[in-house]
Amino acid sequence: MPCDSIVLNEIEFQATDRELLKKALEELGINVLRTLRDGTIVFRTQSWSNGRITNDKIIIDEREADIVDKIKQRYSMQVVKAAAKRFNWNVKQTSPNKLQITRRF
């Protein structure tokens, strides 16, 4: 492979709430550059690699593929927090990737 080529990975990813996704990206220190009309989010990682999230996949430089799991985890946490808020439940973060949710009576 020539040294000036870039290998991109496409990973399936279903994210229906773009605002929660943007919040998850920002929590990870990922800079959201813009949101296109079709809902595609263009972002830049901390190591200056660009990527985009379309309706059903994340497209990112192969060297940054490990960030995809972090994006998925953080987005999932944002979805759970939003659902807990909607139902008026208490949310406590017990570790970086764990939440404890209790129902208010």
PDB file of N, CA and C in Angstrom:
ATOM      1  N   MET A   1       0.836  -1.162   0.000  1.00  0.00           N
ATOM      2  CA  MET A   1       0.000   0.000   0.000  1.00  0.00           C
ATOM      3  C   MET A   1       0.891   1.238   0.000  1.00  0.00           C
ATOM      4  N   PRO A   2       0.602   2.204  -0.852  1.00  0.00           N
ATOM      5  CA  PRO A   2       1.405   3.431  -0.889  1.00  0.00           C
ATOM      6  C   PRO A   2       1.357   4.167   0.446  1.00  0.00           C
ATOM      7  N   CYS A   3       2.407   4.890   0.738  1.00  0.00           N
ATOM      8  CA  CYS A   3       2.492   5.571   2.032  1.00  0.00           C
ATOM      9  C   CYS A   3       1.554   6.767   2.136  1.00  0.00           C
ATOM     10  N   ASP A   4       1.015   7.240   1.032  1.00  0.00           N
ATOM     11  CA  ASP A   4       0.129   8.397   1.092  1.00  0.00           C
ATOM     12  C   ASP A   4      -1.356   8.014   1.062  1.00  0.00           C
ATOM     13  N   SER A   5      -1.664   6.743   1.266  1.00  0.00           N
ATOM     14  CA  SER A   5      -3.060   6.323   1.252  1.00  0.00           C
ATOM     15  C   SER A   5      -3.618   6.291   2.678  1.00  0.00           C
ATOM     16  N   ILE A   6      -4.902   6.450   2.772  1.00  0.00           N
ATOM     17  CA  ILE A   6      -5.597   6.427   4.054  1.00  0.00           C
ATOM     18  C   ILE A   6      -6.616   5.301   4.015  1.00  0.00           C
ATOM     19  N   VAL A   7      -6.572   4.446   5.021  1.00  0.00           N
ATOM     20  CA  VAL A   7      -7.515   3.342   5.123  1.00  0.00           C
ATOM     21  C   VAL A   7      -8.614   3.747   6.092  1.00  0.00           C
ATOM     22  N   LEU A   8      -9.863   3.688   5.635  1.00  0.00           N
ATOM     23  CA  LEU A   8     -10.998   4.057   6.465  1.00  0.00           C
ATOM     24  C   LEU A   8     -11.764   2.809   6.876  1.00  0.00           C
ATOM     25  N   ASN A   9     -12.222   2.799   8.103  1.00  0.00           N
ATOM     26  CA  ASN A   9     -13.085   1.734   8.594  1.00  0.00           C
ATOM     27  C   ASN A   9     -14.516   2.228   8.617  1.00  0.00           C
ATOM     28  N   GLU A  10     -15.440   1.349   8.264  1.00  0.00           N
ATOM     29  CA  GLU A  10     -16.863   1.643   8.370  1.00  0.00           C
ATOM     30  C   GLU A  10     -17.455   0.644   9.350  1.00  0.00           C
ATOM     31  N   ILE A  11     -17.982   1.158  10.467  1.00  0.00           N
ATOM     32  CA  ILE A  11     -18.525   0.313  11.509  1.00  0.00           C
ATOM     33  C   ILE A  11     -20.003   0.637  11.658  1.00  0.00           C
ATOM     34  N   GLU A  12     -20.847  -0.403  11.711  1.00  0.00           N
ATOM     35  CA  GLU A  12     -22.280  -0.175  11.871  1.00  0.00           C
ATOM     36  C   GLU A  12     -22.560   0.461  13.211  1.00  0.00           C
ATOM     37  N   PHE A  13     -23.471   1.423  13.210  1.00  0.00           N
ATOM     38  CA  PHE A  13     -23.804   2.143  14.427  1.00  0.00           C
ATOM     39  C   PHE A  13     -25.155   2.813  14.246  1.00  0.00           C
ATOM     40  N   GLN A  14     -26.107   2.474  15.098  1.00  0.00           N
ATOM     41  CA  GLN A  14     -27.439   3.062  15.036  1.00  0.00           C
ATOM     42  C   GLN A  14     -27.586   4.072  16.167  1.00  0.00           C
ATOM     43  N   ALA A  15     -27.616   5.339  15.859  1.00  0.00           N
ATOM     44  CA  ALA A  15     -27.823   6.392  16.851  1.00  0.00           C
ATOM     45  C   ALA A  15     -28.973   7.262  16.381  1.00  0.00           C
ATOM     46  N   THR A  16     -30.073   7.208  17.084  1.00  0.00           N
ATOM     47  CA  THR A  16     -31.256   7.933  16.632  1.00  0.00           C
ATOM     48  C   THR A  16     -31.321   9.363  17.158  1.00  0.00           C
ATOM     49  N   ASP A  17     -30.718   9.623  18.302  1.00  0.00           N
ATOM     50  CA  ASP A  17     -30.773  10.960  18.894  1.00  0.00           C
ATOM     51  C   ASP A  17     -29.439  11.667  18.669  1.00  0.00           C
ATOM     52  N   ARG A  18     -29.417  12.576  17.723  1.00  0.00           N
ATOM     53  CA  ARG A  18     -28.181  13.270  17.346  1.00  0.00           C
ATOM     54  C   ARG A  18     -27.662  14.169  18.463  1.00  0.00           C
ATOM     55  N   GLU A  19     -28.554  14.777  19.234  1.00  0.00           N
ATOM     56  CA  GLU A  19     -28.111  15.660  20.317  1.00  0.00           C
ATOM     57  C   GLU A  19     -27.396  14.870  21.406  1.00  0.00           C
ATOM     58  N   LEU A  20     -27.925  13.694  21.750  1.00  0.00           N
ATOM     59  CA  LEU A  20     -27.248  12.844  22.732  1.00  0.00           C
ATOM     60  C   LEU A  20     -25.910  12.357  22.193  1.00  0.00           C
ATOM     61  N   LEU A  21     -25.863  12.080  20.898  1.00  0.00           N
ATOM     62  CA  LEU A  21     -24.614  11.642  20.287  1.00  0.00           C
ATOM     63  C   LEU A  21     -23.566  12.750  20.337  1.00  0.00           C
ATOM     64  N   LYS A  22     -23.971  13.971  20.034  1.00  0.00           N
ATOM     65  CA  LYS A  22     -23.033  15.102  20.110  1.00  0.00           C
ATOM     66  C   LYS A  22     -22.517  15.291  21.533  1.00  0.00           C
ATOM     67  N   LYS A  23     -23.407  15.158  22.502  1.00  0.00           N
ATOM     68  CA  LYS A  23     -23.011  15.292  23.901  1.00  0.00           C
ATOM     69  C   LYS A  23     -22.009  14.205  24.280  1.00  0.00           C
ATOM     70  N   ALA A  24     -22.235  12.982  23.805  1.00  0.00           N
ATOM     71  CA  ALA A  24     -21.311  11.873  24.081  1.00  0.00           C
ATOM     72  C   ALA A  24     -19.941  12.142  23.461  1.00  0.00           C
ATOM     73  N   LEU A  25     -19.926  12.652  22.233  1.00  0.00           N
ATOM     74  CA  LEU A  25     -18.660  12.962  21.571  1.00  0.00           C
ATOM     75  C   LEU A  25     -17.900  14.044  22.339  1.00  0.00           C
ATOM     76  N   GLU A  26     -18.614  15.067  22.764  1.00  0.00           N
ATOM     77  CA  GLU A  26     -17.969  16.160  23.505  1.00  0.00           C
ATOM     78  C   GLU A  26     -17.401  15.675  24.836  1.00  0.00           C
ATOM     79  N   GLU A  27     -18.098  14.753  25.503  1.00  0.00           N
ATOM     80  CA  GLU A  27     -17.589  14.196  26.758  1.00  0.00           C
ATOM     81  C   GLU A  27     -16.285  13.438  26.548  1.00  0.00           C
ATOM     82  N   LEU A  28     -16.125  12.875  25.369  1.00  0.00           N
ATOM     83  CA  LEU A  28     -14.892  12.145  25.049  1.00  0.00           C
ATOM     84  C   LEU A  28     -13.778  13.073  24.569  1.00  0.00           C
ATOM     85  N   GLY A  29     -14.058  14.356  24.468  1.00  0.00           N
ATOM     86  CA  GLY A  29     -13.061  15.297  23.987  1.00  0.00           C
ATOM     87  C   GLY A  29     -12.951  15.336  22.476  1.00  0.00           C
ATOM     88  N   ILE A  30     -13.981  14.855  21.803  1.00  0.00           N
ATOM     89  CA  ILE A  30     -14.017  14.847  20.344  1.00  0.00           C
ATOM     90  C   ILE A  30     -14.734  16.113  19.888  1.00  0.00           C
ATOM     91  N   ASN A  31     -14.124  16.840  18.975  1.00  0.00           N
ATOM     92  CA  ASN A  31     -14.648  18.109  18.491  1.00  0.00           C
ATOM     93  C   ASN A  31     -15.642  17.865  17.358  1.00  0.00           C
ATOM     94  N   VAL A  32     -16.900  18.256  17.574  1.00  0.00           N
ATOM     95  CA  VAL A  32     -17.914  18.160  16.525  1.00  0.00           C
ATOM     96  C   VAL A  32     -17.744  19.368  15.623  1.00  0.00           C
ATOM     97  N   LEU A  33     -17.362  19.128  14.376  1.00  0.00           N
ATOM     98  CA  LEU A  33     -17.105  20.221  13.442  1.00  0.00           C
ATOM     99  C   LEU A  33     -18.382  20.787  12.860  1.00  0.00           C
ATOM    100  N   ARG A  34     -19.282  19.900  12.422  1.00  0.00           N
ATOM    101  CA  ARG A  34     -20.558  20.367  11.861  1.00  0.00           C
ATOM    102  C   ARG A  34     -21.515  19.185  11.710  1.00  0.00           C
ATOM    103  N   THR A  35     -22.784  19.544  11.567  1.00  0.00           N
ATOM    104  CA  THR A  35     -23.813  18.557  11.275  1.00  0.00           C
ATOM    105  C   THR A  35     -24.395  18.913   9.917  1.00  0.00           C
ATOM    106  N   LEU A  36     -24.352  17.977   9.004  1.00  0.00           N
ATOM    107  CA  LEU A  36     -24.859  18.212   7.646  1.00  0.00           C
ATOM    108  C   LEU A  36     -26.382  18.088   7.613  1.00  0.00           C
ATOM    109  N   ARG A  37     -26.980  18.521   6.523  1.00  0.00           N
ATOM    110  CA  ARG A  37     -28.436  18.499   6.380  1.00  0.00           C
ATOM    111  C   ARG A  37     -29.024  17.108   6.513  1.00  0.00           C
ATOM    112  N   ASP A  38     -28.287  16.104   6.060  1.00  0.00           N
ATOM    113  CA  ASP A  38     -28.804  14.737   6.138  1.00  0.00           C
ATOM    114  C   ASP A  38     -28.591  14.106   7.515  1.00  0.00           C
ATOM    115  N   GLY A  39     -28.074  14.869   8.479  1.00  0.00           N
ATOM    116  CA  GLY A  39     -27.868  14.364   9.831  1.00  0.00           C
ATOM    117  C   GLY A  39     -26.476  13.828  10.092  1.00  0.00           C
ATOM    118  N   THR A  40     -25.635  13.787   9.065  1.00  0.00           N
ATOM    119  CA  THR A  40     -24.270  13.310   9.234  1.00  0.00           C
ATOM    120  C   THR A  40     -23.496  14.266  10.140  1.00  0.00           C
ATOM    121  N   ILE A  41     -22.799  13.685  11.121  1.00  0.00           N
ATOM    122  CA  ILE A  41     -21.975  14.473  12.035  1.00  0.00           C
ATOM    123  C   ILE A  41     -20.518  14.316  11.623  1.00  0.00           C
ATOM    124  N   VAL A  42     -19.861  15.424  11.381  1.00  0.00           N
ATOM    125  CA  VAL A  42     -18.438  15.430  11.033  1.00  0.00           C
ATOM    126  C   VAL A  42     -17.681  15.838  12.287  1.00  0.00           C
ATOM    127  N   PHE A  43     -16.655  15.055  12.648  1.00  0.00           N
ATOM    128  CA  PHE A  43     -15.936  15.330  13.886  1.00  0.00           C
ATOM    129  C   PHE A  43     -14.431  15.171  13.710  1.00  0.00           C
ATOM    130  N   ARG A  44     -13.688  15.658  14.702  1.00  0.00           N
ATOM    131  CA  ARG A  44     -12.229  15.533  14.727  1.00  0.00           C
ATOM    132  C   ARG A  44     -11.832  14.993  16.096  1.00  0.00           C
ATOM    133  N   THR A  45     -11.005  13.951  16.092  1.00  0.00           N
ATOM    134  CA  THR A  45     -10.560  13.353  17.344  1.00  0.00           C
ATOM    135  C   THR A  45      -9.433  14.191  17.949  1.00  0.00           C
ATOM    136  N   GLN A  46      -9.015  13.817  19.143  1.00  0.00           N
ATOM    137  CA  GLN A  46      -7.935  14.536  19.811  1.00  0.00           C
ATOM    138  C   GLN A  46      -6.608  14.385  19.076  1.00  0.00           C
ATOM    139  N   SER A  47      -6.478  13.328  18.272  1.00  0.00           N
ATOM    140  CA  SER A  47      -5.247  13.151  17.496  1.00  0.00           C
ATOM    141  C   SER A  47      -5.385  13.706  16.079  1.00  0.00           C
ATOM    142  N   TRP A  48      -6.367  14.581  15.873  1.00  0.00           N
ATOM    143  CA  TRP A  48      -6.580  15.321  14.619  1.00  0.00           C
ATOM    144  C   TRP A  48      -7.015  14.466  13.437  1.00  0.00           C
ATOM    145  N   SER A  49      -7.580  13.303  13.702  1.00  0.00           N
ATOM    146  CA  SER A  49      -8.157  12.502  12.624  1.00  0.00           C
ATOM    147  C   SER A  49      -9.621  12.895  12.461  1.00  0.00           C
ATOM    148  N   ASN A  50     -10.061  13.044  11.228  1.00  0.00           N
ATOM    149  CA  ASN A  50     -11.454  13.372  10.950  1.00  0.00           C
ATOM    150  C   ASN A  50     -12.261  12.106  10.766  1.00  0.00           C
ATOM    151  N   GLY A  51     -13.525  12.180  11.108  1.00  0.00           N
ATOM    152  CA  GLY A  51     -14.441  11.065  10.909  1.00  0.00           C
ATOM    153  C   GLY A  51     -15.837  11.595  10.712  1.00  0.00           C
ATOM    154  N   ARG A  52     -16.761  10.700  10.399  1.00  0.00           N
ATOM    155  CA  ARG A  52     -18.152  11.115  10.269  1.00  0.00           C
ATOM    156  C   ARG A  52     -19.062   9.977  10.711  1.00  0.00           C
ATOM    157  N   ILE A  53     -20.204  10.399  11.203  1.00  0.00           N
ATOM    158  CA  ILE A  53     -21.218   9.448  11.633  1.00  0.00           C
ATOM    159  C   ILE A  53     -22.454   9.707  10.793  1.00  0.00           C
ATOM    160  N   THR A  54     -22.825   8.720   9.995  1.00  0.00           N
ATOM    161  CA  THR A  54     -24.029   8.817   9.167  1.00  0.00           C
ATOM    162  C   THR A  54     -25.180   8.175   9.938  1.00  0.00           C
ATOM    163  N   ASN A  55     -26.277   7.938   9.270  1.00  0.00           N
ATOM    164  CA  ASN A  55     -27.444   7.351   9.932  1.00  0.00           C
ATOM    165  C   ASN A  55     -27.210   5.943  10.443  1.00  0.00           C
ATOM    166  N   ASP A  56     -26.310   5.210   9.836  1.00  0.00           N
ATOM    167  CA  ASP A  56     -26.146   3.825  10.256  1.00  0.00           C
ATOM    168  C   ASP A  56     -24.698   3.352  10.389  1.00  0.00           C
ATOM    169  N   LYS A  57     -23.723   4.260  10.294  1.00  0.00           N
ATOM    170  CA  LYS A  57     -22.334   3.820  10.448  1.00  0.00           C
ATOM    171  C   LYS A  57     -21.408   4.956  10.844  1.00  0.00           C
ATOM    172  N   ILE A  58     -20.285   4.555  11.431  1.00  0.00           N
ATOM    173  CA  ILE A  58     -19.198   5.467  11.754  1.00  0.00           C
ATOM    174  C   ILE A  58     -18.093   5.216  10.749  1.00  0.00           C
ATOM    175  N   ILE A  59     -17.604   6.261  10.132  1.00  0.00           N
ATOM    176  CA  ILE A  59     -16.511   6.153   9.163  1.00  0.00           C
ATOM    177  C   ILE A  59     -15.331   6.917   9.735  1.00  0.00           C
ATOM    178  N   ILE A  60     -14.231   6.211   9.964  1.00  0.00           N
ATOM    179  CA  ILE A  60     -13.094   6.819  10.634  1.00  0.00           C
ATOM    180  C   ILE A  60     -11.798   6.163  10.162  1.00  0.00           C
ATOM    181  N   ASP A  61     -10.707   6.889  10.304  1.00  0.00           N
ATOM    182  CA  ASP A  61      -9.382   6.388   9.954  1.00  0.00           C
ATOM    183  C   ASP A  61      -9.114   5.099  10.726  1.00  0.00           C
ATOM    184  N   GLU A  62      -8.508   4.147  10.056  1.00  0.00           N
ATOM    185  CA  GLU A  62      -8.224   2.841  10.650  1.00  0.00           C
ATOM    186  C   GLU A  62      -7.436   2.952  11.959  1.00  0.00           C
ATOM    187  N   ARG A  63      -6.558   3.944  12.057  1.00  0.00           N
ATOM    188  CA  ARG A  63      -5.741   4.111  13.262  1.00  0.00           C
ATOM    189  C   ARG A  63      -6.565   4.540  14.466  1.00  0.00           C
ATOM    190  N   GLU A  64      -7.760   5.040  14.224  1.00  0.00           N
ATOM    191  CA  GLU A  64      -8.627   5.530  15.298  1.00  0.00           C
ATOM    192  C   GLU A  64      -9.777   4.572  15.607  1.00  0.00           C
ATOM    193  N   ALA A  65      -9.706   3.354  15.102  1.00  0.00           N
ATOM    194  CA  ALA A  65     -10.816   2.413  15.245  1.00  0.00           C
ATOM    195  C   ALA A  65     -11.159   2.119  16.696  1.00  0.00           C
ATOM    196  N   ASP A  66     -10.204   2.232  17.607  1.00  0.00           N
ATOM    197  CA  ASP A  66     -10.483   1.946  19.017  1.00  0.00           C
ATOM    198  C   ASP A  66     -11.432   2.957  19.652  1.00  0.00           C
ATOM    199  N   ILE A  67     -11.565   4.126  19.075  1.00  0.00           N
ATOM    200  CA  ILE A  67     -12.450   5.153  19.630  1.00  0.00           C
ATOM    201  C   ILE A  67     -13.923   4.797  19.411  1.00  0.00           C
ATOM    202  N   VAL A  68     -14.207   3.921  18.462  1.00  0.00           N
ATOM    203  CA  VAL A  68     -15.590   3.567  18.150  1.00  0.00           C
ATOM    204  C   VAL A  68     -16.278   2.936  19.359  1.00  0.00           C
ATOM    205  N   ASP A  69     -15.603   2.033  20.052  1.00  0.00           N
ATOM    206  CA  ASP A  69     -16.205   1.419  21.233  1.00  0.00           C
ATOM    207  C   ASP A  69     -16.480   2.455  22.308  1.00  0.00           C
ATOM    208  N   LYS A  70     -15.587   3.412  22.461  1.00  0.00           N
ATOM    209  CA  LYS A  70     -15.788   4.472  23.451  1.00  0.00           C
ATOM    210  C   LYS A  70     -16.987   5.338  23.080  1.00  0.00           C
ATOM    211  N   ILE A  71     -17.145   5.627  21.786  1.00  0.00           N
ATOM    212  CA  ILE A  71     -18.297   6.408  21.333  1.00  0.00           C
ATOM    213  C   ILE A  71     -19.589   5.645  21.621  1.00  0.00           C
ATOM    214  N   LYS A  72     -19.607   4.359  21.308  1.00  0.00           N
ATOM    215  CA  LYS A  72     -20.800   3.546  21.552  1.00  0.00           C
ATOM    216  C   LYS A  72     -21.138   3.495  23.041  1.00  0.00           C
ATOM    217  N   GLN A  73     -20.133   3.301  23.888  1.00  0.00           N
ATOM    218  CA  GLN A  73     -20.365   3.250  25.331  1.00  0.00           C
ATOM    219  C   GLN A  73     -20.896   4.574  25.852  1.00  0.00           C
ATOM    220  N   ARG A  74     -20.267   5.663  25.440  1.00  0.00           N
ATOM    221  CA  ARG A  74     -20.673   6.975  25.940  1.00  0.00           C
ATOM    222  C   ARG A  74     -22.069   7.329  25.446  1.00  0.00           C
ATOM    223  N   TYR A  75     -22.383   6.989  24.191  1.00  0.00           N
ATOM    224  CA  TYR A  75     -23.725   7.247  23.661  1.00  0.00           C
ATOM    225  C   TYR A  75     -24.762   6.440  24.451  1.00  0.00           C
ATOM    226  N   SER A  76     -24.454   5.188  24.738  1.00  0.00           N
ATOM    227  CA  SER A  76     -25.376   4.350  25.513  1.00  0.00           C
ATOM    228  C   SER A  76     -25.635   4.958  26.883  1.00  0.00           C
ATOM    229  N   MET A  77     -24.587   5.471  27.502  1.00  0.00           N
ATOM    230  CA  MET A  77     -24.752   6.109  28.811  1.00  0.00           C
ATOM    231  C   MET A  77     -25.641   7.346  28.707  1.00  0.00           C
ATOM    232  N   GLN A  78     -25.487   8.110  27.648  1.00  0.00           N
ATOM    233  CA  GLN A  78     -26.316   9.303  27.450  1.00  0.00           C
ATOM    234  C   GLN A  78     -27.782   8.921  27.253  1.00  0.00           C
ATOM    235  N   VAL A  79     -28.030   7.830  26.536  1.00  0.00           N
ATOM    236  CA  VAL A  79     -29.405   7.365  26.322  1.00  0.00           C
ATOM    237  C   VAL A  79     -30.029   6.948  27.647  1.00  0.00           C
ATOM    238  N   VAL A  80     -29.284   6.214  28.462  1.00  0.00           N
ATOM    239  CA  VAL A  80     -29.792   5.769  29.762  1.00  0.00           C
ATOM    240  C   VAL A  80     -30.063   6.976  30.668  1.00  0.00           C
ATOM    241  N   LYS A  81     -29.137   7.934  30.684  1.00  0.00           N
ATOM    242  CA  LYS A  81     -29.338   9.138  31.511  1.00  0.00           C
ATOM    243  C   LYS A  81     -30.579   9.912  31.060  1.00  0.00           C
ATOM    244  N   ALA A  82     -30.781  10.029  29.768  1.00  0.00           N
ATOM    245  CA  ALA A  82     -31.939  10.757  29.244  1.00  0.00           C
ATOM    246  C   ALA A  82     -33.241  10.034  29.612  1.00  0.00           C
ATOM    247  N   ALA A  83     -33.241   8.705  29.510  1.00  0.00           N
ATOM    248  CA  ALA A  83     -34.436   7.940  29.872  1.00  0.00           C
ATOM    249  C   ALA A  83     -34.724   8.060  31.365  1.00  0.00           C
ATOM    250  N   ALA A  84     -33.670   8.022  32.176  1.00  0.00           N
ATOM    251  CA  ALA A  84     -33.844   8.156  33.621  1.00  0.00           C
ATOM    252  C   ALA A  84     -34.411   9.534  33.965  1.00  0.00           C
ATOM    253  N   LYS A  85     -33.917  10.550  33.296  1.00  0.00           N
ATOM    254  CA  LYS A  85     -34.418  11.903  33.538  1.00  0.00           C
ATOM    255  C   LYS A  85     -35.890  12.021  33.142  1.00  0.00           C
ATOM    256  N   ARG A  86     -36.254  11.410  32.021  1.00  0.00           N
ATOM    257  CA  ARG A  86     -37.630  11.459  31.536  1.00  0.00           C
ATOM    258  C   ARG A  86     -38.594  10.804  32.532  1.00  0.00           C
ATOM    259  N   PHE A  87     -38.145   9.710  33.182  1.00  0.00           N
ATOM    260  CA  PHE A  87     -38.998   9.001  34.135  1.00  0.00           C
ATOM    261  C   PHE A  87     -38.766   9.438  35.583  1.00  0.00           C
ATOM    262  N   ASN A  88     -37.948  10.492  35.755  1.00  0.00           N
ATOM    263  CA  ASN A  88     -37.681  11.062  37.074  1.00  0.00           C
ATOM    264  C   ASN A  88     -36.990  10.063  38.009  1.00  0.00           C
ATOM    265  N   TRP A  89     -36.008   9.340  37.487  1.00  0.00           N
ATOM    266  CA  TRP A  89     -35.225   8.394  38.284  1.00  0.00           C
ATOM    267  C   TRP A  89     -33.899   9.041  38.660  1.00  0.00           C
ATOM    268  N   ASN A  90     -33.291   8.550  39.714  1.00  0.00           N
ATOM    269  CA  ASN A  90     -31.976   9.020  40.148  1.00  0.00           C
ATOM    270  C   ASN A  90     -30.879   8.255  39.417  1.00  0.00           C
ATOM    271  N   VAL A  91     -29.865   8.962  38.978  1.00  0.00           N
ATOM    272  CA  VAL A  91     -28.731   8.340  38.292  1.00  0.00           C
ATOM    273  C   VAL A  91     -27.460   8.674  39.053  1.00  0.00           C
ATOM    274  N   LYS A  92     -26.696   7.641  39.346  1.00  0.00           N
ATOM    275  CA  LYS A  92     -25.410   7.825  40.013  1.00  0.00           C
ATOM    276  C   LYS A  92     -24.361   7.058  39.219  1.00  0.00           C
ATOM    277  N   GLN A  93     -23.283   7.744  38.850  1.00  0.00           N
ATOM    278  CA  GLN A  93     -22.226   7.083  38.103  1.00  0.00           C
ATOM    279  C   GLN A  93     -21.276   6.432  39.109  1.00  0.00           C
ATOM    280  N   THR A  94     -21.165   5.103  39.055  1.00  0.00           N
ATOM    281  CA  THR A  94     -20.363   4.363  40.020  1.00  0.00           C
ATOM    282  C   THR A  94     -18.942   4.099  39.532  1.00  0.00           C
ATOM    283  N   SER A  95     -18.743   4.132  38.243  1.00  0.00           N
ATOM    284  CA  SER A  95     -17.413   3.992  37.628  1.00  0.00           C
ATOM    285  C   SER A  95     -17.503   4.622  36.243  1.00  0.00           C
ATOM    286  N   PRO A  96     -16.375   4.715  35.530  1.00  0.00           N
ATOM    287  CA  PRO A  96     -16.425   5.383  34.215  1.00  0.00           C
ATOM    288  C   PRO A  96     -17.461   4.814  33.248  1.00  0.00           C
ATOM    289  N   ASN A  97     -17.754   3.531  33.329  1.00  0.00           N
ATOM    290  CA  ASN A  97     -18.699   2.933  32.385  1.00  0.00           C
ATOM    291  C   ASN A  97     -19.885   2.276  33.067  1.00  0.00           C
ATOM    292  N   LYS A  98     -20.172   2.644  34.323  1.00  0.00           N
ATOM    293  CA  LYS A  98     -21.295   2.042  35.037  1.00  0.00           C
ATOM    294  C   LYS A  98     -22.154   3.118  35.687  1.00  0.00           C
ATOM    295  N   LEU A  99     -23.462   2.899  35.585  1.00  0.00           N
ATOM    296  CA  LEU A  99     -24.427   3.790  36.207  1.00  0.00           C
ATOM    297  C   LEU A  99     -25.297   2.979  37.162  1.00  0.00           C
ATOM    298  N   GLN A 100     -25.674   3.610  38.252  1.00  0.00           N
ATOM    299  CA  GLN A 100     -26.642   3.007  39.162  1.00  0.00           C
ATOM    300  C   GLN A 100     -27.899   3.857  39.087  1.00  0.00           C
ATOM    301  N   ILE A 101     -29.012   3.233  38.777  1.00  0.00           N
ATOM    302  CA  ILE A 101     -30.264   3.956  38.592  1.00  0.00           C
ATOM    303  C   ILE A 101     -31.264   3.467  39.627  1.00  0.00           C
ATOM    304  N   THR A 102     -31.850   4.406  40.352  1.00  0.00           N
ATOM    305  CA  THR A 102     -32.857   4.061  41.352  1.00  0.00           C
ATOM    306  C   THR A 102     -34.110   4.878  41.079  1.00  0.00           C
ATOM    307  N   ARG A 103     -35.219   4.255  41.361  1.00  0.00           N
ATOM    308  CA  ARG A 103     -36.508   4.897  41.125  1.00  0.00           C
ATOM    309  C   ARG A 103     -36.899   5.715  42.341  1.00  0.00           C
ATOM    310  N   ARG A 104     -37.363   6.932  42.110  1.00  0.00           N
ATOM    311  CA  ARG A 104     -37.826   7.792  43.203  1.00  0.00           C
ATOM    312  C   ARG A 104     -39.249   7.421  43.557  1.00  0.00           C
ATOM    313  N   PHE A 105     -39.530   7.426  44.845  1.00  0.00           N
ATOM    314  CA  PHE A 105     -40.894   7.152  45.308  1.00  0.00           C
ATOM    315  C   PHE A 105     -41.496   8.360  45.935  1.00  0.00           C
TER     316      PHE A 105
END
